[in-house]
PDB file of N, CA and C in Angstrom:
ATOM      1  N   MET A   1      25.761  70.605 133.761  1.00  0.00           N
ATOM      2  CA  MET A   1      25.157  71.821 134.259  1.00  0.00           C
ATOM      3  C   MET A   1      23.640  71.835 134.050  1.00  0.00           C
ATOM      4  N   ASN A   2      23.130  71.023 133.144  1.00  0.00           N
ATOM      5  CA  ASN A   2      21.687  70.985 132.922  1.00  0.00           C
ATOM      6  C   ASN A   2      21.029  70.206 134.046  1.00  0.00           C
ATOM      7  N   GLN A   3      20.232  70.885 134.828  1.00  0.00           N
ATOM      8  CA  GLN A   3      19.545  70.232 135.928  1.00  0.00           C
ATOM      9  C   GLN A   3      18.066  70.080 135.574  1.00  0.00           C
ATOM     10  N   VAL A   4      17.526  68.945 135.857  1.00  0.00           N
ATOM     11  CA  VAL A   4      16.117  68.687 135.609  1.00  0.00           C
ATOM     12  C   VAL A   4      15.336  69.120 136.834  1.00  0.00           C
ATOM     13  N   LEU A   5      14.209  69.812 136.601  1.00  0.00           N
ATOM     14  CA  LEU A   5      13.389  70.253 137.720  1.00  0.00           C
ATOM     15  C   LEU A   5      12.717  69.047 138.372  1.00  0.00           C
ATOM     16  N   SER A   6      12.719  69.063 139.669  1.00  0.00           N
ATOM     17  CA  SER A   6      12.051  67.982 140.383  1.00  0.00           C
ATOM     18  C   SER A   6      10.538  68.192 140.298  1.00  0.00           C
ATOM     19  N   PRO A   7       9.749  67.149 140.461  1.00  0.00           N
ATOM     20  CA  PRO A   7       8.290  67.305 140.406  1.00  0.00           C
ATOM     21  C   PRO A   7       7.752  68.305 141.421  1.00  0.00           C
ATOM     22  N   ARG A   8       8.407  68.429 142.563  1.00  0.00           N
ATOM     23  CA  ARG A   8       7.973  69.375 143.589  1.00  0.00           C
ATOM     24  C   ARG A   8       8.141  70.817 143.102  1.00  0.00           C
ATOM     25  N   HIS A   9       9.279  71.102 142.448  1.00  0.00           N
ATOM     26  CA  HIS A   9       9.509  72.444 141.916  1.00  0.00           C
ATOM     27  C   HIS A   9       8.565  72.736 140.751  1.00  0.00           C
ATOM     28  N   LEU A  10       8.352  71.759 139.899  1.00  0.00           N
ATOM     29  CA  LEU A  10       7.456  71.942 138.768  1.00  0.00           C
ATOM     30  C   LEU A  10       6.031  72.214 139.240  1.00  0.00           C
ATOM     31  N   LEU A  11       5.593  71.503 140.256  1.00  0.00           N
ATOM     32  CA  LEU A  11       4.261  71.727 140.808  1.00  0.00           C
ATOM     33  C   LEU A  11       4.147  73.131 141.411  1.00  0.00           C
ATOM     34  N   ALA A  12       5.192  73.578 142.097  1.00  0.00           N
ATOM     35  CA  ALA A  12       5.179  74.926 142.680  1.00  0.00           C
ATOM     36  C   ALA A  12       5.130  75.993 141.595  1.00  0.00           C
ATOM     37  N   ILE A  13       5.859  75.773 140.512  1.00  0.00           N
ATOM     38  CA  ILE A  13       5.873  76.744 139.412  1.00  0.00           C
ATOM     39  C   ILE A  13       4.494  76.824 138.755  1.00  0.00           C
ATOM     40  N   LEU A  14       3.805  75.705 138.657  1.00  0.00           N
ATOM     41  CA  LEU A  14       2.486  75.700 138.035  1.00  0.00           C
ATOM     42  C   LEU A  14       1.396  76.246 138.959  1.00  0.00           C
ATOM     43  N   LEU A  15       1.527  76.065 140.258  1.00  0.00           N
ATOM     44  CA  LEU A  15       0.476  76.498 141.180  1.00  0.00           C
ATOM     45  C   LEU A  15       0.562  77.974 141.565  1.00  0.00           C
ATOM     46  N   ILE A  16       1.731  78.575 141.491  1.00  0.00           N
ATOM     47  CA  ILE A  16       1.886  79.986 141.874  1.00  0.00           C
ATOM     48  C   ILE A  16       0.992  80.900 141.025  1.00  0.00           C
ATOM     49  N   PRO A  17       0.966  80.769 139.683  1.00  0.00           N
ATOM     50  CA  PRO A  17       0.057  81.651 138.925  1.00  0.00           C
ATOM     51  C   PRO A  17      -1.418  81.414 139.236  1.00  0.00           C
ATOM     52  N   ILE A  18      -1.777  80.176 139.558  1.00  0.00           N
ATOM     53  CA  ILE A  18      -3.175  79.890 139.867  1.00  0.00           C
ATOM     54  C   ILE A  18      -3.600  80.577 141.164  1.00  0.00           C
ATOM     55  N   PHE A  19      -2.750  80.546 142.173  1.00  0.00           N
ATOM     56  CA  PHE A  19      -3.108  81.143 143.457  1.00  0.00           C
ATOM     57  C   PHE A  19      -3.004  82.666 143.462  1.00  0.00           C
ATOM     58  N   THR A  20      -2.194  83.240 142.595  1.00  0.00           N
ATOM     59  CA  THR A  20      -2.021  84.693 142.610  1.00  0.00           C
ATOM     60  C   THR A  20      -2.976  85.418 141.669  1.00  0.00           C
ATOM     61  N   THR A  21      -3.773  84.696 140.877  1.00  0.00           N
ATOM     62  CA  THR A  21      -4.693  85.391 139.978  1.00  0.00           C
ATOM     63  C   THR A  21      -5.841  86.052 140.728  1.00  0.00           C
ATOM     64  N   GLY A  22      -6.145  85.635 141.943  1.00  0.00           N
ATOM     65  CA  GLY A  22      -7.223  86.243 142.713  1.00  0.00           C
ATOM     66  C   GLY A  22      -6.815  87.522 143.415  1.00  0.00           C
ATOM     67  N   CYS A  23      -5.577  87.918 143.324  1.00  0.00           N
ATOM     68  CA  CYS A  23      -5.087  89.101 144.025  1.00  0.00           C
ATOM     69  C   CYS A  23      -5.167  90.318 143.117  1.00  0.00           C
ATOM     70  N   THR A  24      -6.352  90.727 142.757  1.00  0.00           N
ATOM     71  CA  THR A  24      -6.511  91.922 141.935  1.00  0.00           C
ATOM     72  C   THR A  24      -6.974  93.056 142.840  1.00  0.00           C
ATOM     73  N   THR A  25      -6.096  93.987 143.088  1.00  0.00           N
ATOM     74  CA  THR A  25      -6.365  95.067 144.034  1.00  0.00           C
ATOM     75  C   THR A  25      -7.506  95.957 143.571  1.00  0.00           C
ATOM     76  N   ILE A  26      -7.554  96.270 142.283  1.00  0.00           N
ATOM     77  CA  ILE A  26      -8.586  97.173 141.781  1.00  0.00           C
ATOM     78  C   ILE A  26      -9.964  96.543 141.956  1.00  0.00           C
ATOM     79  N   GLU A  27     -10.099  95.253 141.673  1.00  0.00           N
ATOM     80  CA  GLU A  27     -11.402  94.600 141.790  1.00  0.00           C
ATOM     81  C   GLU A  27     -11.833  94.475 143.246  1.00  0.00           C
ATOM     82  N   ASN A  28     -10.939  94.034 144.111  1.00  0.00           N
ATOM     83  CA  ASN A  28     -11.320  93.746 145.486  1.00  0.00           C
ATOM     84  C   ASN A  28     -11.445  94.995 146.353  1.00  0.00           C
ATOM     85  N   ARG A  29     -10.660  96.016 146.077  1.00  0.00           N
ATOM     86  CA  ARG A  29     -10.667  97.222 146.905  1.00  0.00           C
ATOM     87  C   ARG A  29     -11.033  98.439 146.073  1.00  0.00           C
ATOM     88  N   ARG A  30     -12.104  98.349 145.312  1.00  0.00           N
ATOM     89  CA  ARG A  30     -12.521  99.447 144.459  1.00  0.00           C
ATOM     90  C   ARG A  30     -12.851 100.705 145.260  1.00  0.00           C
ATOM     91  N   ASP A  31     -13.368 100.529 146.466  1.00  0.00           N
ATOM     92  CA  ASP A  31     -13.766 101.683 147.272  1.00  0.00           C
ATOM     93  C   ASP A  31     -12.581 102.542 147.687  1.00  0.00           C
ATOM     94  N   LEU A  32     -11.365 102.000 147.698  1.00  0.00           N
ATOM     95  CA  LEU A  32     -10.195 102.808 148.037  1.00  0.00           C
ATOM     96  C   LEU A  32      -9.869 103.805 146.934  1.00  0.00           C
ATOM     97  N   TYR A  33     -10.066 103.399 145.687  1.00  0.00           N
ATOM     98  CA  TYR A  33      -9.678 104.240 144.563  1.00  0.00           C
ATOM     99  C   TYR A  33     -10.842 105.061 144.018  1.00  0.00           C
ATOM    100  N   PHE A  34     -12.055 104.533 144.096  1.00  0.00           N
ATOM    101  CA  PHE A  34     -13.232 105.230 143.588  1.00  0.00           C
ATOM    102  C   PHE A  34     -14.295 105.247 144.679  1.00  0.00           C
ATOM    103  N   PRO A  35     -14.255 106.232 145.591  1.00  0.00           N
ATOM    104  CA  PRO A  35     -15.210 106.236 146.698  1.00  0.00           C
ATOM    105  C   PRO A  35     -16.645 106.550 146.282  1.00  0.00           C
ATOM    106  N   GLN A  36     -16.849 107.173 145.095  1.00  0.00           N
ATOM    107  CA  GLN A  36     -18.214 107.489 144.691  1.00  0.00           C
ATOM    108  C   GLN A  36     -18.938 106.222 144.226  1.00  0.00           C
ATOM    109  N   CYS A  37     -20.235 106.248 144.349  1.00  0.00           N
ATOM    110  CA  CYS A  37     -21.063 105.109 143.965  1.00  0.00           C
ATOM    111  C   CYS A  37     -21.064 104.974 142.450  1.00  0.00           C
ATOM    112  N   VAL A  38     -20.896 103.771 141.969  1.00  0.00           N
ATOM    113  CA  VAL A  38     -20.899 103.509 140.537  1.00  0.00           C
ATOM    114  C   VAL A  38     -22.335 103.260 140.110  1.00  0.00           C
ATOM    115  N   TRP A  39     -22.794 103.966 139.052  1.00  0.00           N
ATOM    116  CA  TRP A  39     -24.158 103.800 138.574  1.00  0.00           C
ATOM    117  C   TRP A  39     -24.150 103.864 137.052  1.00  0.00           C
ATOM    118  N   GLY A  40     -23.466 102.891 136.452  1.00  0.00           N
ATOM    119  CA  GLY A  40     -23.390 102.807 134.996  1.00  0.00           C
ATOM    120  C   GLY A  40     -24.477 101.905 134.444  1.00  0.00           C
ATOM    121  N   PRO A  41     -24.433 101.637 133.149  1.00  0.00           N
ATOM    122  CA  PRO A  41     -25.492 100.841 132.538  1.00  0.00           C
ATOM    123  C   PRO A  41     -25.559  99.412 133.074  1.00  0.00           C
ATOM    124  N   TYR A  42     -24.421  98.805 133.363  1.00  0.00           N
ATOM    125  CA  TYR A  42     -24.436  97.426 133.860  1.00  0.00           C
ATOM    126  C   TYR A  42     -24.912  97.357 135.311  1.00  0.00           C
ATOM    127  N   THR A  43     -24.580  98.366 136.109  1.00  0.00           N
ATOM    128  CA  THR A  43     -25.064  98.398 137.487  1.00  0.00           C
ATOM    129  C   THR A  43     -26.571  98.625 137.506  1.00  0.00           C
ATOM    130  N   LYS A  44     -27.071  99.463 136.598  1.00  0.00           N
ATOM    131  CA  LYS A  44     -28.512  99.688 136.513  1.00  0.00           C
ATOM    132  C   LYS A  44     -29.233  98.399 136.139  1.00  0.00           C
ATOM    133  N   MET A  45     -28.667  97.643 135.185  1.00  0.00           N
ATOM    134  CA  MET A  45     -29.293  96.381 134.799  1.00  0.00           C
ATOM    135  C   MET A  45     -29.250  95.382 135.942  1.00  0.00           C
ATOM    136  N   LEU A  46     -28.213  95.437 136.751  1.00  0.00           N
ATOM    137  CA  LEU A  46     -28.110  94.535 137.894  1.00  0.00           C
ATOM    138  C   LEU A  46     -29.206  94.828 138.914  1.00  0.00           C
ATOM    139  N   HIS A  47     -29.499  96.114 139.147  1.00  0.00           N
ATOM    140  CA  HIS A  47     -30.506  96.495 140.129  1.00  0.00           C
ATOM    141  C   HIS A  47     -31.930  96.444 139.580  1.00  0.00           C
ATOM    142  N   LYS A  48     -32.120  96.927 138.362  1.00  0.00           N
ATOM    143  CA  LYS A  48     -33.465  97.042 137.807  1.00  0.00           C
ATOM    144  C   LYS A  48     -33.865  95.865 136.930  1.00  0.00           C
ATOM    145  N   GLY A  49     -32.925  95.073 136.501  1.00  0.00           N
ATOM    146  CA  GLY A  49     -33.221  93.969 135.582  1.00  0.00           C
ATOM    147  C   GLY A  49     -32.901  94.362 134.152  1.00  0.00           C
ATOM    148  N   ILE A  50     -32.862  93.376 133.280  1.00  0.00           N
ATOM    149  CA  ILE A  50     -32.546  93.616 131.870  1.00  0.00           C
ATOM    150  C   ILE A  50     -33.779  94.196 131.192  1.00  0.00           C
ATOM    151  N   PRO A  51     -33.628  95.329 130.491  1.00  0.00           N
ATOM    152  CA  PRO A  51     -34.793  95.930 129.838  1.00  0.00           C
ATOM    153  C   PRO A  51     -35.301  95.041 128.709  1.00  0.00           C
ATOM    154  N   LYS A  52     -36.628  95.046 128.510  1.00  0.00           N
ATOM    155  CA  LYS A  52     -37.225  94.244 127.446  1.00  0.00           C
ATOM    156  C   LYS A  52     -37.079  94.971 126.117  1.00  0.00           C
ATOM    157  N   GLN A  53     -36.888  94.196 125.073  1.00  0.00           N
ATOM    158  CA  GLN A  53     -36.738  94.754 123.731  1.00  0.00           C
ATOM    159  C   GLN A  53     -38.086  95.235 123.216  1.00  0.00           C
ATOM    160  N   LYS A  54     -38.081  96.334 122.495  1.00  0.00           N
ATOM    161  CA  LYS A  54     -39.300  96.848 121.887  1.00  0.00           C
ATOM    162  C   LYS A  54     -39.585  96.049 120.615  1.00  0.00           C
ATOM    163  N   VAL A  55     -40.836  95.702 120.430  1.00  0.00           N
ATOM    164  CA  VAL A  55     -41.238  94.932 119.255  1.00  0.00           C
ATOM    165  C   VAL A  55     -41.455  95.889 118.100  1.00  0.00           C
ATOM    166  N   GLN A  56     -40.792  95.615 116.987  1.00  0.00           N
ATOM    167  CA  GLN A  56     -40.960  96.451 115.810  1.00  0.00           C
ATOM    168  C   GLN A  56     -41.894  95.741 114.840  1.00  0.00           C
ATOM    169  N   SER A  57     -42.869  96.470 114.330  1.00  0.00           N
ATOM    170  CA  SER A  57     -43.766  95.882 113.350  1.00  0.00           C
ATOM    171  C   SER A  57     -43.398  96.404 111.965  1.00  0.00           C
ATOM    172  N   ILE A  58     -43.446  95.516 111.007  1.00  0.00           N
ATOM    173  CA  ILE A  58     -43.104  95.868 109.632  1.00  0.00           C
ATOM    174  C   ILE A  58     -44.384  95.767 108.801  1.00  0.00           C
ATOM    175  N   THR A  59     -44.680  96.824 108.052  1.00  0.00           N
ATOM    176  CA  THR A  59     -45.864  96.797 107.194  1.00  0.00           C
ATOM    177  C   THR A  59     -45.414  96.500 105.772  1.00  0.00           C
ATOM    178  N   LEU A  60     -45.985  95.483 105.218  1.00  0.00           N
ATOM    179  CA  LEU A  60     -45.675  95.120 103.841  1.00  0.00           C
ATOM    180  C   LEU A  60     -46.710  95.720 102.905  1.00  0.00           C
ATOM    181  N   PRO A  61     -46.305  96.052 101.694  1.00  0.00           N
ATOM    182  CA  PRO A  61     -47.291  96.589 100.740  1.00  0.00           C
ATOM    183  C   PRO A  61     -48.316  95.514 100.379  1.00  0.00           C
ATOM    184  N   LYS A  62     -49.547  95.958 100.106  1.00  0.00           N
ATOM    185  CA  LYS A  62     -50.623  95.013  99.823  1.00  0.00           C
ATOM    186  C   LYS A  62     -50.775  94.739  98.337  1.00  0.00           C
ATOM    187  N   GLU A  63     -49.729  94.985  97.589  1.00  0.00           N
ATOM    188  CA  GLU A  63     -49.788  94.717  96.158  1.00  0.00           C
ATOM    189  C   GLU A  63     -49.632  93.217  95.933  1.00  0.00           C
ATOM    190  N   THR A  64     -50.491  92.689  95.161  1.00  0.00           N
ATOM    191  CA  THR A  64     -50.362  91.283  94.803  1.00  0.00           C
ATOM    192  C   THR A  64     -50.190  91.191  93.308  1.00  0.00           C
ATOM    193  N   GLY A  65     -49.427  90.271  92.892  1.00  0.00           N
ATOM    194  CA  GLY A  65     -49.193  90.104  91.463  1.00  0.00           C
ATOM    195  C   GLY A  65     -50.088  89.016  90.909  1.00  0.00           C
ATOM    196  N   GLY A  66     -50.602  89.242  89.734  1.00  0.00           N
ATOM    197  CA  GLY A  66     -51.389  88.215  89.070  1.00  0.00           C
ATOM    198  C   GLY A  66     -50.452  87.285  88.321  1.00  0.00           C
ATOM    199  N   SER A  67     -51.036  86.507  87.465  1.00  0.00           N
ATOM    200  CA  SER A  67     -50.192  85.595  86.705  1.00  0.00           C
ATOM    201  C   SER A  67     -49.372  86.349  85.677  1.00  0.00           C
ATOM    202  N   LYS A  68     -49.865  87.526  85.252  1.00  0.00           N
ATOM    203  CA  LYS A  68     -49.140  88.296  84.246  1.00  0.00           C
ATOM    204  C   LYS A  68     -48.337  89.430  84.883  1.00  0.00           C
ATOM    205  N   ASN A  69     -48.743  89.892  86.085  1.00  0.00           N
ATOM    206  CA  ASN A  69     -48.010  90.941  86.789  1.00  0.00           C
ATOM    207  C   ASN A  69     -47.000  90.290  87.724  1.00  0.00           C
ATOM    208  N   VAL A  70     -45.750  90.554  87.516  1.00  0.00           N
ATOM    209  CA  VAL A  70     -44.702  90.015  88.382  1.00  0.00           C
ATOM    210  C   VAL A  70     -44.081  91.161  89.147  1.00  0.00           C
ATOM    211  N   ILE A  71     -44.065  91.064  90.455  1.00  0.00           N
ATOM    212  CA  ILE A  71     -43.469  92.102  91.286  1.00  0.00           C
ATOM    213  C   ILE A  71     -41.994  91.783  91.437  1.00  0.00           C
ATOM    214  N   LYS A  72     -41.149  92.716  91.033  1.00  0.00           N
ATOM    215  CA  LYS A  72     -39.715  92.509  91.110  1.00  0.00           C
ATOM    216  C   LYS A  72     -39.273  92.706  92.567  1.00  0.00           C
ATOM    217  N   PRO A  73     -38.362  91.886  93.036  1.00  0.00           N
ATOM    218  CA  PRO A  73     -37.883  92.071  94.408  1.00  0.00           C
ATOM    219  C   PRO A  73     -37.107  93.366  94.573  1.00  0.00           C
ATOM    220  N   GLN A  74     -37.237  93.961  95.755  1.00  0.00           N
ATOM    221  CA  GLN A  74     -36.532  95.209  96.047  1.00  0.00           C
ATOM    222  C   GLN A  74     -35.081  94.868  96.392  1.00  0.00           C
ATOM    223  N   GLY A  75     -34.159  95.707  95.996  1.00  0.00           N
ATOM    224  CA  GLY A  75     -32.790  95.503  96.412  1.00  0.00           C
ATOM    225  C   GLY A  75     -31.911  95.438  95.281  1.00  0.00           C
TER     226      GLY A  75
END
């Protein structure tokens, strides 16, 4: 009763999931379910470009330690 799958059947079983993964209704036909224009953060970045990061400047204290004055690390 144990039947071995033929190579043709095995190939069909492996190829069916590959060919059906592109059939995503929500992705391909978004306008049917959501007729309003999407304008979220990722769509804005797509149209306007990726915003540049703001440069933060850090001010360090100007205390210097001599040979006898040792500044202990913070933390």
